[in-house]
């Protein structure tokens, strides 16, 4: 698990702007989706081309958040990075310039639909009522990347909980776009993972300062428990 230490400069900047590090004091589960980003074998299984070993360690926290949100009446959505001919044509600058041909060949094989690498990691708790959404960019919200925005809008979702991998790539990109599309964003510090603590903590600072409420799994589950209890009263 990452050793979490949000940069002091980010904390100072936040406290100069508002009274608290926390942004959202409550969650409406019926209007909330847990967006689980790219927890697929291609990013998590040993020997896979985009393996992030620390991503395996966050699965219990991700499952815990999903259980709490389902019990409170919210929606769980699993995002799956997907590479196909259309993705390579419409995002040619990435595939053609930003990544080398040897890696692209391995990534193509790992993340084509139906492959081992494309599949969700086996210890994730995935239920029939959960949604699966394929995406073809880092951000699931950028135009043309996926149908996530329309799916959430149809369900009246205005709040997203972001977990998954990589913290500073697809999780960060998805969270940034979600906030700018006017979603309330909660970025879960101990249910996201990347290659090292430095990159992870840098993103947490960026999220806290500009884009999201940064919370722990324990805090998120606590907010959901309060909401569930109040709804039952």
C-alpha atoms as a PDB file:
ATOM      1  CA  UNK A   1       0.000   0.000   0.000  1.00  0.00           C
ATOM      2  CA  UNK A   2       1.183   3.526  -0.707  1.00  0.00           C
ATOM      3  CA  UNK A   3       2.619   5.603   2.138  1.00  0.00           C
ATOM      4  CA  UNK A   4       0.305   8.562   1.807  1.00  0.00           C
ATOM      5  CA  UNK A   5       1.710  12.020   2.402  1.00  0.00           C
ATOM      6  CA  UNK A   6      -0.048  14.874   0.655  1.00  0.00           C
ATOM      7  CA  UNK A   7       2.429  17.667  -0.173  1.00  0.00           C
ATOM      8  CA  UNK A   8       2.385  20.474   2.392  1.00  0.00           C
ATOM      9  CA  UNK A   9       2.314  23.100  -0.360  1.00  0.00           C
ATOM     10  CA  UNK A  10      -0.992  21.709  -1.617  1.00  0.00           C
ATOM     11  CA  UNK A  11      -2.456  21.670   1.890  1.00  0.00           C
ATOM     12  CA  UNK A  12      -1.359  25.251   2.511  1.00  0.00           C
ATOM     13  CA  UNK A  13      -2.886  26.407  -0.760  1.00  0.00           C
ATOM     14  CA  UNK A  14      -6.199  24.727   0.047  1.00  0.00           C
ATOM     15  CA  UNK A  15      -6.422  26.201   3.546  1.00  0.00           C
ATOM     16  CA  UNK A  16      -5.712  29.657   2.163  1.00  0.00           C
ATOM     17  CA  UNK A  17      -8.761  29.254  -0.062  1.00  0.00           C
ATOM     18  CA  UNK A  18     -11.289  27.461   2.158  1.00  0.00           C
ATOM     19  CA  UNK A  19     -11.882  26.571   5.806  1.00  0.00           C
ATOM     20  CA  UNK A  20     -11.413  22.815   5.575  1.00  0.00           C
ATOM     21  CA  UNK A  21      -9.463  20.243   3.604  1.00  0.00           C
ATOM     22  CA  UNK A  22     -12.680  18.252   3.201  1.00  0.00           C
ATOM     23  CA  UNK A  23     -15.176  19.440   0.612  1.00  0.00           C
ATOM     24  CA  UNK A  24     -18.295  17.278   0.866  1.00  0.00           C
ATOM     25  CA  UNK A  25     -19.706  16.565   4.323  1.00  0.00           C
ATOM     26  CA  UNK A  26     -22.334  14.120   3.094  1.00  0.00           C
ATOM     27  CA  UNK A  27     -23.060  11.757   0.218  1.00  0.00           C
ATOM     28  CA  UNK A  28     -26.415  11.066  -1.422  1.00  0.00           C
ATOM     29  CA  UNK A  29     -26.006   7.380  -2.347  1.00  0.00           C
ATOM     30  CA  UNK A  30     -28.879   7.400  -4.849  1.00  0.00           C
ATOM     31  CA  UNK A  31     -27.003  10.018  -6.873  1.00  0.00           C
ATOM     32  CA  UNK A  32     -23.544   8.487  -6.446  1.00  0.00           C
ATOM     33  CA  UNK A  33     -21.500   6.136  -8.621  1.00  0.00           C
ATOM     34  CA  UNK A  34     -18.342   4.290  -7.638  1.00  0.00           C
ATOM     35  CA  UNK A  35     -16.107   4.545 -10.724  1.00  0.00           C
ATOM     36  CA  UNK A  36     -13.567   1.705 -10.553  1.00  0.00           C
ATOM     37  CA  UNK A  37     -10.909   2.611 -13.094  1.00  0.00           C
ATOM     38  CA  UNK A  38      -8.967  -0.043 -15.034  1.00  0.00           C
ATOM     39  CA  UNK A  39      -8.575  -2.731 -12.365  1.00  0.00           C
ATOM     40  CA  UNK A  40      -7.893  -5.271 -15.084  1.00  0.00           C
ATOM     41  CA  UNK A  41      -5.438  -8.135 -15.368  1.00  0.00           C
ATOM     42  CA  UNK A  42      -3.333  -6.162 -17.857  1.00  0.00           C
ATOM     43  CA  UNK A  43      -2.551  -3.625 -15.122  1.00  0.00           C
ATOM     44  CA  UNK A  44      -2.482  -6.000 -12.168  1.00  0.00           C
ATOM     45  CA  UNK A  45      -1.458  -9.577 -12.963  1.00  0.00           C
ATOM     46  CA  UNK A  46       2.204 -10.499 -12.617  1.00  0.00           C
ATOM     47  CA  UNK A  47       4.149 -10.196 -15.862  1.00  0.00           C
ATOM     48  CA  UNK A  48       1.520  -8.181 -17.713  1.00  0.00           C
ATOM     49  CA  UNK A  49       2.805  -5.264 -19.840  1.00  0.00           C
ATOM     50  CA  UNK A  50       1.341  -2.487 -17.680  1.00  0.00           C
ATOM     51  CA  UNK A  51       1.677  -4.238 -14.314  1.00  0.00           C
ATOM     52  CA  UNK A  52       1.310  -1.990 -11.258  1.00  0.00           C
ATOM     53  CA  UNK A  53       1.979  -4.296  -8.280  1.00  0.00           C
ATOM     54  CA  UNK A  54       0.526  -1.880  -5.711  1.00  0.00           C
ATOM     55  CA  UNK A  55      -2.829  -2.027  -7.508  1.00  0.00           C
ATOM     56  CA  UNK A  56      -3.302  -5.553  -6.192  1.00  0.00           C
ATOM     57  CA  UNK A  57      -3.160  -4.221  -2.636  1.00  0.00           C
ATOM     58  CA  UNK A  58      -6.066  -1.792  -2.997  1.00  0.00           C
ATOM     59  CA  UNK A  59      -8.635  -4.406  -4.032  1.00  0.00           C
ATOM     60  CA  UNK A  60      -9.987  -4.978  -0.472  1.00  0.00           C
ATOM     61  CA  UNK A  61     -10.635  -1.239  -0.105  1.00  0.00           C
ATOM     62  CA  UNK A  62     -12.270  -1.026  -3.522  1.00  0.00           C
ATOM     63  CA  UNK A  63     -14.523  -3.967  -2.658  1.00  0.00           C
ATOM     64  CA  UNK A  64     -15.398  -2.409   0.676  1.00  0.00           C
ATOM     65  CA  UNK A  65     -16.494   0.848  -0.952  1.00  0.00           C
ATOM     66  CA  UNK A  66     -18.537  -1.020  -3.561  1.00  0.00           C
ATOM     67  CA  UNK A  67     -20.334  -3.045  -0.883  1.00  0.00           C
ATOM     68  CA  UNK A  68     -21.110   0.057   1.173  1.00  0.00           C
ATOM     69  CA  UNK A  69     -22.437   1.980  -1.817  1.00  0.00           C
ATOM     70  CA  UNK A  70     -24.588  -0.901  -3.076  1.00  0.00           C
ATOM     71  CA  UNK A  71     -26.099  -1.343   0.388  1.00  0.00           C
ATOM     72  CA  UNK A  72     -26.890   2.374   0.513  1.00  0.00           C
ATOM     73  CA  UNK A  73     -28.541   2.354  -2.922  1.00  0.00           C
ATOM     74  CA  UNK A  74     -25.786   3.631  -5.220  1.00  0.00           C
ATOM     75  CA  UNK A  75     -24.283   2.404  -8.490  1.00  0.00           C
ATOM     76  CA  UNK A  76     -20.958   0.644  -9.071  1.00  0.00           C
ATOM     77  CA  UNK A  77     -19.290   1.062 -12.474  1.00  0.00           C
ATOM     78  CA  UNK A  78     -16.228  -0.858 -13.658  1.00  0.00           C
ATOM     79  CA  UNK A  79     -14.220   0.908 -16.365  1.00  0.00           C
ATOM     80  CA  UNK A  80     -12.185  -1.256 -18.746  1.00  0.00           C
ATOM     81  CA  UNK A  81      -9.343   0.150 -20.812  1.00  0.00           C
ATOM     82  CA  UNK A  82      -9.887  -1.124 -24.348  1.00  0.00           C
ATOM     83  CA  UNK A  83      -7.606  -1.008 -27.384  1.00  0.00           C
ATOM     84  CA  UNK A  84      -9.046  -1.623 -30.846  1.00  0.00           C
ATOM     85  CA  UNK A  85      -8.575  -0.338 -34.392  1.00  0.00           C
ATOM     86  CA  UNK A  86     -10.878   2.636 -33.814  1.00  0.00           C
ATOM     87  CA  UNK A  87      -8.974   3.696 -30.689  1.00  0.00           C
ATOM     88  CA  UNK A  88      -5.658   3.602 -32.526  1.00  0.00           C
ATOM     89  CA  UNK A  89      -7.043   5.639 -35.419  1.00  0.00           C
ATOM     90  CA  UNK A  90      -8.735   8.334 -33.337  1.00  0.00           C
ATOM     91  CA  UNK A  91      -5.889   8.602 -30.801  1.00  0.00           C
ATOM     92  CA  UNK A  92      -3.062   8.219 -33.273  1.00  0.00           C
ATOM     93  CA  UNK A  93      -0.772  10.744 -31.566  1.00  0.00           C
ATOM     94  CA  UNK A  94      -0.603   8.550 -28.483  1.00  0.00           C
ATOM     95  CA  UNK A  95      -0.200   5.252 -30.282  1.00  0.00           C
ATOM     96  CA  UNK A  96       2.074   6.664 -32.978  1.00  0.00           C
ATOM     97  CA  UNK A  97       4.276   9.095 -31.063  1.00  0.00           C
ATOM     98  CA  UNK A  98       4.009   8.746 -27.290  1.00  0.00           C
ATOM     99  CA  UNK A  99       4.599   5.006 -27.023  1.00  0.00           C
ATOM    100  CA  UNK A 100       7.186   2.762 -28.653  1.00  0.00           C
ATOM    101  CA  UNK A 101       6.234   0.022 -31.130  1.00  0.00           C
ATOM    102  CA  UNK A 102       7.350  -2.863 -28.895  1.00  0.00           C
ATOM    103  CA  UNK A 103       5.190  -1.713 -26.007  1.00  0.00           C
ATOM    104  CA  UNK A 104       2.224  -0.937 -28.247  1.00  0.00           C
ATOM    105  CA  UNK A 105       2.269  -4.473 -29.628  1.00  0.00           C
ATOM    106  CA  UNK A 106       2.125  -5.915 -26.114  1.00  0.00           C
ATOM    107  CA  UNK A 107      -0.548  -3.439 -25.016  1.00  0.00           C
ATOM    108  CA  UNK A 108      -2.655  -4.222 -28.089  1.00  0.00           C
ATOM    109  CA  UNK A 109      -2.653  -7.879 -27.166  1.00  0.00           C
ATOM    110  CA  UNK A 110      -3.277  -7.250 -23.467  1.00  0.00           C
ATOM    111  CA  UNK A 111      -6.192  -4.860 -23.812  1.00  0.00           C
ATOM    112  CA  UNK A 112      -8.160  -6.142 -26.768  1.00  0.00           C
ATOM    113  CA  UNK A 113     -11.680  -7.105 -25.798  1.00  0.00           C
ATOM    114  CA  UNK A 114     -11.950 -10.743 -24.730  1.00  0.00           C
ATOM    115  CA  UNK A 115      -8.292 -11.123 -23.748  1.00  0.00           C
ATOM    116  CA  UNK A 116      -6.945 -12.099 -20.335  1.00  0.00           C
ATOM    117  CA  UNK A 117      -5.498  -8.642 -19.833  1.00  0.00           C
ATOM    118  CA  UNK A 118      -8.776  -6.909 -20.661  1.00  0.00           C
ATOM    119  CA  UNK A 119     -10.685  -8.899 -18.020  1.00  0.00           C
ATOM    120  CA  UNK A 120     -11.350  -7.488 -14.559  1.00  0.00           C
ATOM    121  CA  UNK A 121      -9.008  -8.691 -11.825  1.00  0.00           C
ATOM    122  CA  UNK A 122     -10.474 -11.868 -10.310  1.00  0.00           C
ATOM    123  CA  UNK A 123     -10.580 -10.780  -6.660  1.00  0.00           C
ATOM    124  CA  UNK A 124     -12.778  -7.781  -7.447  1.00  0.00           C
ATOM    125  CA  UNK A 125     -16.345  -8.263  -6.248  1.00  0.00           C
ATOM    126  CA  UNK A 126     -18.444  -7.704  -9.366  1.00  0.00           C
ATOM    127  CA  UNK A 127     -22.210  -8.233  -9.093  1.00  0.00           C
ATOM    128  CA  UNK A 128     -24.828  -8.552 -11.862  1.00  0.00           C
ATOM    129  CA  UNK A 129     -26.274  -5.116 -11.077  1.00  0.00           C
ATOM    130  CA  UNK A 130     -22.893  -3.427 -11.554  1.00  0.00           C
ATOM    131  CA  UNK A 131     -22.133  -1.736 -14.858  1.00  0.00           C
ATOM    132  CA  UNK A 132     -19.146  -2.282 -17.123  1.00  0.00           C
ATOM    133  CA  UNK A 133     -18.036   0.517 -19.424  1.00  0.00           C
ATOM    134  CA  UNK A 134     -15.258   0.274 -22.007  1.00  0.00           C
ATOM    135  CA  UNK A 135     -13.063   3.328 -22.569  1.00  0.00           C
ATOM    136  CA  UNK A 136     -10.456   4.224 -25.182  1.00  0.00           C
ATOM    137  CA  UNK A 137      -8.692   7.196 -23.559  1.00  0.00           C
ATOM    138  CA  UNK A 138      -7.121   7.868 -20.179  1.00  0.00           C
ATOM    139  CA  UNK A 139     -10.249   9.739 -19.102  1.00  0.00           C
ATOM    140  CA  UNK A 140     -13.582   7.959 -19.236  1.00  0.00           C
ATOM    141  CA  UNK A 141     -15.294  11.354 -19.587  1.00  0.00           C
ATOM    142  CA  UNK A 142     -13.429  12.898 -22.508  1.00  0.00           C
ATOM    143  CA  UNK A 143     -15.510  13.116 -25.673  1.00  0.00           C
ATOM    144  CA  UNK A 144     -15.404   9.886 -27.645  1.00  0.00           C
ATOM    145  CA  UNK A 145     -13.742   7.856 -24.894  1.00  0.00           C
ATOM    146  CA  UNK A 146     -16.796   6.062 -23.519  1.00  0.00           C
ATOM    147  CA  UNK A 147     -20.516   6.287 -22.824  1.00  0.00           C
ATOM    148  CA  UNK A 148     -19.961   6.904 -19.112  1.00  0.00           C
ATOM    149  CA  UNK A 149     -21.294  10.465 -18.956  1.00  0.00           C
ATOM    150  CA  UNK A 150     -24.582   9.651 -20.693  1.00  0.00           C
ATOM    151  CA  UNK A 151     -25.013   6.521 -18.570  1.00  0.00           C
ATOM    152  CA  UNK A 152     -24.573   8.482 -15.359  1.00  0.00           C
ATOM    153  CA  UNK A 153     -26.816  11.318 -16.507  1.00  0.00           C
ATOM    154  CA  UNK A 154     -29.616   8.871 -17.326  1.00  0.00           C
ATOM    155  CA  UNK A 155     -29.419   7.654 -13.726  1.00  0.00           C
ATOM    156  CA  UNK A 156     -29.347  11.107 -12.158  1.00  0.00           C
ATOM    157  CA  UNK A 157     -25.783  10.692 -10.865  1.00  0.00           C
ATOM    158  CA  UNK A 158     -24.046  13.870  -9.698  1.00  0.00           C
ATOM    159  CA  UNK A 159     -21.303  12.427  -7.460  1.00  0.00           C
ATOM    160  CA  UNK A 160     -18.468  10.047  -8.361  1.00  0.00           C
ATOM    161  CA  UNK A 161     -16.109   8.105  -6.125  1.00  0.00           C
ATOM    162  CA  UNK A 162     -12.838   7.476  -7.981  1.00  0.00           C
ATOM    163  CA  UNK A 163     -10.755   4.363  -7.281  1.00  0.00           C
ATOM    164  CA  UNK A 164      -8.445   2.223  -9.398  1.00  0.00           C
ATOM    165  CA  UNK A 165      -5.204   2.574 -11.325  1.00  0.00           C
ATOM    166  CA  UNK A 166      -3.057   4.348 -12.293  1.00  0.00           C
ATOM    167  CA  UNK A 167      -3.532   7.147  -9.771  1.00  0.00           C
ATOM    168  CA  UNK A 168      -1.714   9.750 -11.854  1.00  0.00           C
ATOM    169  CA  UNK A 169      -2.906   8.653 -15.281  1.00  0.00           C
ATOM    170  CA  UNK A 170      -6.417   7.289 -15.844  1.00  0.00           C
ATOM    171  CA  UNK A 171      -7.751   7.996 -12.337  1.00  0.00           C
ATOM    172  CA  UNK A 172      -6.473  11.560 -12.358  1.00  0.00           C
ATOM    173  CA  UNK A 173      -7.634  12.203 -15.923  1.00  0.00           C
ATOM    174  CA  UNK A 174     -11.105  10.854 -15.195  1.00  0.00           C
ATOM    175  CA  UNK A 175     -11.395  12.880 -11.978  1.00  0.00           C
ATOM    176  CA  UNK A 176     -10.262  16.109 -13.639  1.00  0.00           C
ATOM    177  CA  UNK A 177     -12.820  15.814 -16.415  1.00  0.00           C
ATOM    178  CA  UNK A 178     -15.584  14.760 -14.023  1.00  0.00           C
ATOM    179  CA  UNK A 179     -15.109  17.894 -11.929  1.00  0.00           C
ATOM    180  CA  UNK A 180     -15.079  20.117 -15.007  1.00  0.00           C
ATOM    181  CA  UNK A 181     -18.336  18.457 -16.117  1.00  0.00           C
ATOM    182  CA  UNK A 182     -19.783  19.512 -12.735  1.00  0.00           C
ATOM    183  CA  UNK A 183     -19.722  16.183 -10.903  1.00  0.00           C
ATOM    184  CA  UNK A 184     -18.873  16.171  -7.230  1.00  0.00           C
ATOM    185  CA  UNK A 185     -15.649  14.154  -7.148  1.00  0.00           C
ATOM    186  CA  UNK A 186     -14.295  12.151  -4.219  1.00  0.00           C
ATOM    187  CA  UNK A 187     -10.835  10.716  -4.912  1.00  0.00           C
ATOM    188  CA  UNK A 188     -10.016   7.828  -2.571  1.00  0.00           C
ATOM    189  CA  UNK A 189      -6.400   8.045  -1.411  1.00  0.00           C
ATOM    190  CA  UNK A 190      -5.982   4.433  -0.275  1.00  0.00           C
ATOM    191  CA  UNK A 191      -8.064   2.849  -3.045  1.00  0.00           C
ATOM    192  CA  UNK A 192      -5.994   4.219  -5.931  1.00  0.00           C
ATOM    193  CA  UNK A 193      -2.531   3.032  -6.909  1.00  0.00           C
ATOM    194  CA  UNK A 194       0.380   3.764  -9.214  1.00  0.00           C
ATOM    195  CA  UNK A 195       4.035   2.820  -9.596  1.00  0.00           C
ATOM    196  CA  UNK A 196       5.489   4.696  -6.613  1.00  0.00           C
ATOM    197  CA  UNK A 197       4.598   6.891  -3.643  1.00  0.00           C
ATOM    198  CA  UNK A 198       6.011  10.070  -5.216  1.00  0.00           C
ATOM    199  CA  UNK A 199       3.655   9.998  -8.194  1.00  0.00           C
ATOM    200  CA  UNK A 200       0.714   8.889  -6.054  1.00  0.00           C
ATOM    201  CA  UNK A 201       1.129  11.666  -3.506  1.00  0.00           C
ATOM    202  CA  UNK A 202       1.718  14.306  -6.163  1.00  0.00           C
ATOM    203  CA  UNK A 203      -1.648  13.469  -7.698  1.00  0.00           C
ATOM    204  CA  UNK A 204      -3.364  13.542  -4.302  1.00  0.00           C
ATOM    205  CA  UNK A 205      -2.042  17.076  -3.833  1.00  0.00           C
ATOM    206  CA  UNK A 206      -3.285  18.131  -7.260  1.00  0.00           C
ATOM    207  CA  UNK A 207      -6.689  16.576  -6.620  1.00  0.00           C
ATOM    208  CA  UNK A 208      -7.026  18.222  -3.203  1.00  0.00           C
ATOM    209  CA  UNK A 209      -5.997  21.654  -4.441  1.00  0.00           C
ATOM    210  CA  UNK A 210      -8.068  21.841  -7.609  1.00  0.00           C
ATOM    211  CA  UNK A 211     -10.327  18.932  -8.493  1.00  0.00           C
ATOM    212  CA  UNK A 212     -11.675  16.703  -5.726  1.00  0.00           C
ATOM    213  CA  UNK A 213     -12.337  15.910  -2.131  1.00  0.00           C
ATOM    214  CA  UNK A 214      -9.542  13.508  -1.150  1.00  0.00           C
ATOM    215  CA  UNK A 215     -10.767  10.913   1.333  1.00  0.00           C
ATOM    216  CA  UNK A 216      -9.741   7.544   2.762  1.00  0.00           C
ATOM    217  CA  UNK A 217     -11.763   4.372   2.364  1.00  0.00           C
ATOM    218  CA  UNK A 218     -12.730   4.571   6.022  1.00  0.00           C
ATOM    219  CA  UNK A 219     -14.065   8.102   5.575  1.00  0.00           C
ATOM    220  CA  UNK A 220     -16.056   7.232   2.444  1.00  0.00           C
ATOM    221  CA  UNK A 221     -17.618   4.167   4.054  1.00  0.00           C
ATOM    222  CA  UNK A 222     -18.441   6.273   7.110  1.00  0.00           C
ATOM    223  CA  UNK A 223     -20.253   8.880   5.006  1.00  0.00           C
ATOM    224  CA  UNK A 224     -22.201   6.147   3.231  1.00  0.00           C
ATOM    225  CA  UNK A 225     -23.128   4.505   6.529  1.00  0.00           C
ATOM    226  CA  UNK A 226     -24.505   7.799   7.837  1.00  0.00           C
ATOM    227  CA  UNK A 227     -26.537   8.293   4.676  1.00  0.00           C
ATOM    228  CA  UNK A 228     -27.939   4.767   4.858  1.00  0.00           C
ATOM    229  CA  UNK A 229     -28.890   5.170   8.515  1.00  0.00           C
ATOM    230  CA  UNK A 230     -30.566   8.539   7.940  1.00  0.00           C
ATOM    231  CA  UNK A 231     -32.551   7.141   5.011  1.00  0.00           C
ATOM    232  CA  UNK A 232     -33.871   4.355   7.220  1.00  0.00           C
ATOM    233  CA  UNK A 233     -35.065   6.704   9.965  1.00  0.00           C
END
